[in-house]
Protein backbone atom coordinates (compact mmCIF):
# COMPACT_ATOMS: atom_id res chain seq x y z
CA UNK A 1 40.63 -26.91 -53.72
CA UNK A 2 42.42 -23.58 -54.09
CA UNK A 3 44.62 -22.24 -51.34
CA UNK A 4 42.95 -20.26 -48.59
CA UNK A 5 43.67 -16.56 -48.97
CA UNK A 6 42.82 -13.57 -46.75
CA UNK A 7 42.43 -10.11 -48.24
CA UNK A 8 42.15 -6.92 -46.20
CA UNK A 9 41.38 -3.27 -46.83
CA UNK A 10 43.16 -0.91 -44.48
CA UNK A 11 44.30 2.64 -43.83
CA UNK A 12 47.79 3.72 -42.83
CA UNK A 13 49.21 7.27 -42.81
CA UNK A 14 45.88 8.51 -44.15
CA UNK A 15 45.94 6.32 -47.26
CA UNK A 16 43.71 3.32 -48.05
CA UNK A 17 45.15 0.09 -49.47
CA UNK A 18 44.20 -3.50 -50.18
CA UNK A 19 46.50 -6.28 -49.13
CA UNK A 20 46.99 -10.00 -48.71
CA UNK A 21 47.25 -11.07 -45.07
CA UNK A 22 49.84 -13.73 -44.29
CA UNK A 23 50.02 -14.33 -40.56
CA UNK A 24 50.43 -10.81 -39.15
CA UNK A 25 52.07 -9.49 -42.31
CA UNK A 26 50.10 -7.58 -44.96
CA UNK A 27 51.46 -7.64 -48.52
CA UNK A 28 50.26 -4.39 -50.11
CA UNK A 29 48.44 -4.78 -53.42
CA UNK A 30 47.77 -2.28 -56.18
CA UNK A 31 44.91 -2.17 -58.63
CA UNK A 32 41.44 -3.65 -58.50
CA UNK A 33 41.34 -6.76 -56.28
CA UNK A 34 38.39 -8.07 -58.32
CA UNK A 35 40.29 -8.13 -61.61
CA UNK A 36 44.09 -8.02 -61.74
CA UNK A 37 45.67 -6.90 -58.46
CA UNK A 38 49.44 -6.67 -58.33
CA UNK A 39 51.70 -7.10 -55.31
CA UNK A 40 53.80 -3.99 -54.74
CA UNK A 41 56.53 -5.52 -52.61
CA UNK A 42 55.59 -3.24 -49.72
CA UNK A 43 54.27 -4.69 -46.49
CA UNK A 44 52.96 -3.71 -43.06
CA UNK A 45 52.40 -5.54 -39.82
CA UNK A 46 48.70 -5.79 -39.09
CA UNK A 47 49.30 -3.97 -35.79
CA UNK A 48 50.57 -0.92 -37.73
CA UNK A 49 47.32 -0.35 -39.62
CA UNK A 50 43.60 0.16 -39.06
CA UNK A 51 41.41 -2.39 -40.80
CA UNK A 52 38.42 -1.12 -42.76
CA UNK A 53 35.41 -2.93 -44.16
CA UNK A 54 37.11 -5.37 -46.56
CA UNK A 55 35.24 -4.12 -49.63
CA UNK A 56 33.00 -1.24 -50.66
CA UNK A 57 29.73 -2.79 -51.83
CA UNK A 58 27.41 -0.80 -54.02
CA UNK A 59 24.65 -2.71 -52.27
CA UNK A 60 24.20 -5.49 -49.75
CA UNK A 61 21.39 -7.88 -50.64
CA UNK A 62 20.18 -9.61 -47.51
CA UNK A 63 18.11 -12.73 -47.01
CA UNK A 64 15.58 -12.81 -44.21
CA UNK A 65 14.28 -15.97 -42.56
CA UNK A 66 16.85 -18.38 -44.01
CA UNK A 67 17.45 -20.62 -40.96
CA UNK A 68 14.73 -23.00 -39.78
CA UNK A 69 15.48 -22.12 -36.15
CA UNK A 70 15.15 -18.37 -36.76
CA UNK A 71 11.81 -18.83 -38.52
CA UNK A 72 10.49 -20.63 -35.45
CA UNK A 73 11.92 -17.90 -33.22
CA UNK A 74 10.17 -15.18 -35.23
CA UNK A 75 6.92 -17.21 -35.51
CA UNK A 76 7.01 -16.93 -39.29
CA UNK A 77 6.00 -19.36 -42.02
CA UNK A 78 8.58 -21.23 -44.10
CA UNK A 79 9.23 -19.06 -47.17
CA UNK A 80 8.66 -20.57 -50.62
CA UNK A 81 11.30 -18.23 -52.05
CA UNK A 82 14.09 -16.16 -50.47
CA UNK A 83 12.85 -13.03 -48.71
CA UNK A 84 15.11 -10.20 -49.90
CA UNK A 85 15.89 -6.72 -48.66
CA UNK A 86 18.74 -4.29 -49.28
CA UNK A 87 21.06 -2.41 -46.98
CA UNK A 88 22.57 0.75 -48.49
CA UNK A 89 26.30 1.26 -48.95
CA UNK A 90 26.13 4.01 -46.30
CA UNK A 91 25.33 1.40 -43.62
CA UNK A 92 28.72 -0.32 -44.01
CA UNK A 93 31.36 -0.04 -41.29
CA UNK A 94 34.46 -2.06 -40.54
CA UNK A 95 35.86 -3.98 -37.57
CA UNK A 96 36.28 -1.90 -34.44
CA UNK A 97 33.98 0.88 -35.62
CA UNK A 98 30.98 1.92 -33.54
CA UNK A 99 27.41 0.85 -34.22
CA UNK A 100 25.36 3.96 -33.46
CA UNK A 101 22.18 3.65 -31.40
CA UNK A 102 20.23 6.36 -33.19
CA UNK A 103 17.49 8.29 -31.31
CA UNK A 104 14.76 7.00 -33.66
CA UNK A 105 15.50 3.39 -32.62
CA UNK A 106 13.71 1.76 -29.69
CA UNK A 107 15.31 -1.69 -29.81
CA UNK A 108 18.63 -2.41 -31.49
CA UNK A 109 19.37 -6.07 -32.34
CA UNK A 110 22.40 -8.02 -33.55
CA UNK A 111 22.16 -10.70 -36.25
CA UNK A 112 25.21 -12.90 -36.99
CA UNK A 113 25.63 -13.76 -40.67
CA UNK A 114 27.91 -15.25 -43.29
CA UNK A 115 28.35 -12.78 -46.15
CA UNK A 116 29.19 -13.61 -49.75
CA UNK A 117 31.40 -11.20 -51.72
CA UNK A 118 30.61 -11.02 -55.44
CA UNK A 119 33.57 -11.32 -57.83
CA UNK A 120 32.17 -10.07 -61.14
CA UNK A 121 29.01 -8.83 -62.76
CA UNK A 122 26.31 -11.43 -62.26
CA UNK A 123 23.04 -11.42 -64.19
CA UNK A 124 20.77 -14.43 -64.69
CA UNK A 125 23.41 -16.80 -63.32
CA UNK A 126 22.64 -20.52 -63.21
CA UNK A 127 22.91 -22.16 -59.80
CA UNK A 128 25.54 -24.64 -60.95
CA UNK A 129 27.71 -21.73 -62.16
CA UNK A 130 27.28 -19.55 -59.07
CA UNK A 131 30.72 -20.37 -57.68
CA UNK A 132 32.34 -18.63 -60.64
CA UNK A 133 30.79 -15.35 -59.44
CA UNK A 134 31.83 -15.62 -55.79
CA UNK A 135 35.02 -13.81 -54.84
CA UNK A 136 35.07 -14.94 -51.22
CA UNK A 137 33.35 -14.69 -47.85
CA UNK A 138 33.35 -12.38 -44.86
CA UNK A 139 31.60 -11.91 -41.52
CA UNK A 140 28.61 -9.57 -41.21
CA UNK A 141 26.24 -8.24 -38.57
CA UNK A 142 22.77 -7.39 -39.90
CA UNK A 143 22.03 -4.76 -37.25
CA UNK A 144 18.29 -4.17 -37.00
CA UNK A 145 15.95 -1.68 -35.36
CA UNK A 146 13.53 -4.41 -34.29
CA UNK A 147 10.76 -2.07 -33.17
CA UNK A 148 10.79 -0.21 -36.48
CA UNK A 149 10.81 -3.46 -38.45
CA UNK A 150 7.63 -4.51 -36.69
CA UNK A 151 6.11 -1.03 -36.92
CA UNK A 152 6.75 -0.48 -40.63
CA UNK A 153 5.94 -3.95 -41.92
CA UNK A 154 8.71 -3.61 -44.50
CA UNK A 155 12.34 -3.43 -43.51
CA UNK A 156 14.10 -0.57 -45.28
CA UNK A 157 14.16 1.85 -42.36
CA UNK A 158 14.87 -0.79 -39.71
CA UNK A 159 17.84 -2.21 -41.61
CA UNK A 160 19.19 0.86 -43.39
CA UNK A 161 20.57 3.24 -40.77
CA UNK A 162 24.19 4.37 -41.03
CA UNK A 163 26.52 1.89 -39.21
CA UNK A 164 23.96 -0.97 -39.41
CA UNK A 165 26.21 -3.21 -41.53
CA UNK A 166 29.48 -4.04 -39.78
CA UNK A 167 31.54 -6.45 -41.88
CA UNK A 168 35.04 -7.87 -41.92
CA UNK A 169 37.67 -8.20 -40.70
CA UNK A 170 38.78 -9.62 -44.07
CA UNK A 171 37.63 -11.58 -47.11
CA UNK A 172 38.55 -15.25 -47.11
CA UNK A 173 38.89 -17.15 -50.38
CA UNK A 174 39.16 -20.88 -50.96
CA UNK A 175 36.70 -22.15 -48.34
CA UNK A 176 33.47 -24.12 -48.65
CA UNK A 177 30.52 -22.07 -47.31
CA UNK A 178 28.49 -25.17 -46.41
CA UNK A 179 28.57 -26.22 -42.76
CA UNK A 180 30.35 -23.18 -41.28
CA UNK A 181 29.61 -22.35 -37.66
CA UNK A 182 28.02 -18.89 -37.17
CA UNK A 183 28.02 -17.39 -33.66
CA UNK A 184 27.42 -14.17 -31.78
CA UNK A 185 28.66 -13.07 -28.36
CA UNK A 186 27.25 -10.07 -26.50
CA UNK A 187 29.77 -8.79 -23.97
CA UNK A 188 31.41 -12.22 -24.18
CA UNK A 189 28.19 -14.15 -23.50
CA UNK A 190 27.18 -16.66 -26.24
CA UNK A 191 23.90 -15.69 -27.92
CA UNK A 192 23.71 -17.36 -31.34
CA UNK A 193 25.18 -20.65 -32.51
CA UNK A 194 24.19 -22.16 -35.85
CA UNK A 195 25.68 -23.69 -38.97
CA UNK A 196 25.26 -22.77 -42.60
CA UNK A 197 24.25 -26.39 -43.20
CA UNK A 198 20.93 -25.26 -41.65
CA UNK A 199 20.28 -22.70 -44.40
CA UNK A 200 16.96 -23.15 -46.18
CA UNK A 201 18.36 -21.65 -49.39
CA UNK A 202 22.02 -22.47 -50.13
CA UNK A 203 24.68 -19.97 -51.12
CA UNK A 204 24.73 -21.03 -54.82
CA UNK A 205 20.94 -20.88 -54.95
CA UNK A 206 20.95 -17.38 -53.44
CA UNK A 207 23.52 -16.07 -55.91
CA UNK A 208 21.46 -17.45 -58.80
CA UNK A 209 18.10 -16.30 -57.44
CA UNK A 210 19.24 -12.76 -56.65
CA UNK A 211 21.01 -12.41 -60.01
CA UNK A 212 17.66 -13.09 -61.69
CA UNK A 213 16.20 -10.14 -59.79
CA UNK A 214 19.02 -7.61 -60.02
CA UNK A 215 22.50 -7.43 -61.49
CA UNK A 216 25.20 -7.99 -58.90
CA UNK A 217 28.44 -6.05 -59.22
CA UNK A 218 32.00 -6.81 -58.00
CA UNK A 219 32.23 -6.13 -54.28
CA UNK A 220 28.50 -6.41 -53.64
CA UNK A 221 27.55 -8.46 -50.60
CA UNK A 222 24.92 -11.13 -50.07
CA UNK A 223 24.01 -11.67 -46.40
CA UNK A 224 22.76 -15.22 -46.07
CA UNK A 225 20.53 -15.01 -42.98
CA UNK A 226 20.91 -15.41 -39.22
CA UNK A 227 20.38 -18.36 -36.83
CA UNK A 228 18.17 -18.19 -33.74
CA UNK A 229 19.22 -16.21 -30.68
CA UNK A 230 18.84 -12.63 -31.90
CA UNK A 231 18.48 -10.05 -29.18
CA UNK A 232 18.93 -6.43 -28.13
CA UNK A 233 22.07 -4.39 -27.60
CA UNK A 234 22.58 -1.32 -25.42
CA UNK A 235 25.00 1.61 -25.56
CA UNK A 236 28.35 0.43 -24.25
CA UNK A 237 27.84 -3.20 -25.28
CA UNK A 238 30.40 -5.10 -27.34
CA UNK A 239 29.07 -7.46 -29.98
CA UNK A 240 31.27 -10.12 -31.56
CA UNK A 241 30.27 -12.16 -34.62
CA UNK A 242 32.32 -15.26 -35.46
CA UNK A 243 32.18 -17.37 -38.59
CA UNK A 244 34.23 -20.54 -38.72
CA UNK A 245 37.27 -20.44 -41.05
CA UNK A 246 36.84 -16.70 -41.52
CA UNK A 247 37.31 -14.86 -38.25
CA UNK A 248 35.87 -12.58 -35.62
CA UNK A 249 34.14 -9.22 -36.16
CA UNK A 250 33.95 -7.01 -33.07
CA UNK A 251 32.05 -3.72 -32.74
CA UNK A 252 30.86 -1.55 -29.87
CA UNK A 253 27.47 0.16 -29.52
CA UNK A 254 27.71 3.90 -28.99
CA UNK A 255 25.53 6.99 -28.74
CA UNK A 256 25.49 9.49 -31.59
CA UNK A 257 28.15 12.15 -31.39
CA UNK A 258 26.98 15.48 -30.05
């Protein structure tokens, strides 16, 4: 098993960098992290920088109804194939950024998820080769306008608002995605608690299946589904998503700026 590695994307003095996180020290990297990044010899303490979303996906392909417990919670039937939807790149925010409760939304829900980061172009990938196309894993919150999801019948509007895809705080490489604990905490109160061992469709299967539908590009995300316990958030709330062996993603719910 390869060594566990944490990669961050951050801003300092108005400039954006990628880096390797070692304890509280960030080794600054140059170049494309998905091909041949080079260490620059420069470094920052993590407390000196502001972390951003750890990558810039062209798209986030999300899987609905992928935990048995969540299917029961939503009173849905067991899917024969993965149920897919897409969040746009404009929905992505990083750790510490505000989730906006837009005026069009009547009920705003959190959904704790493990996210897969794609390493290289993936098209018609076989399941047994899927690991070769996975760069690493991060934490995601599939923020959802629940009332609009039910109203529209399809999910583009409900899932696609700006700020509706918090992810981070970093990408972790060298871990096994099977059996990871996935949790959410609303204002410190536990709300969701599941394990990726409960996934109906596994991570390798999802990478393969989705790559037979659309070409995945480096930095694209796959959100693997959420366990039971989803619920609403209000302006002023703090939502924390934790995924075992990866970390904690914390965001606050805010009103739109005037």
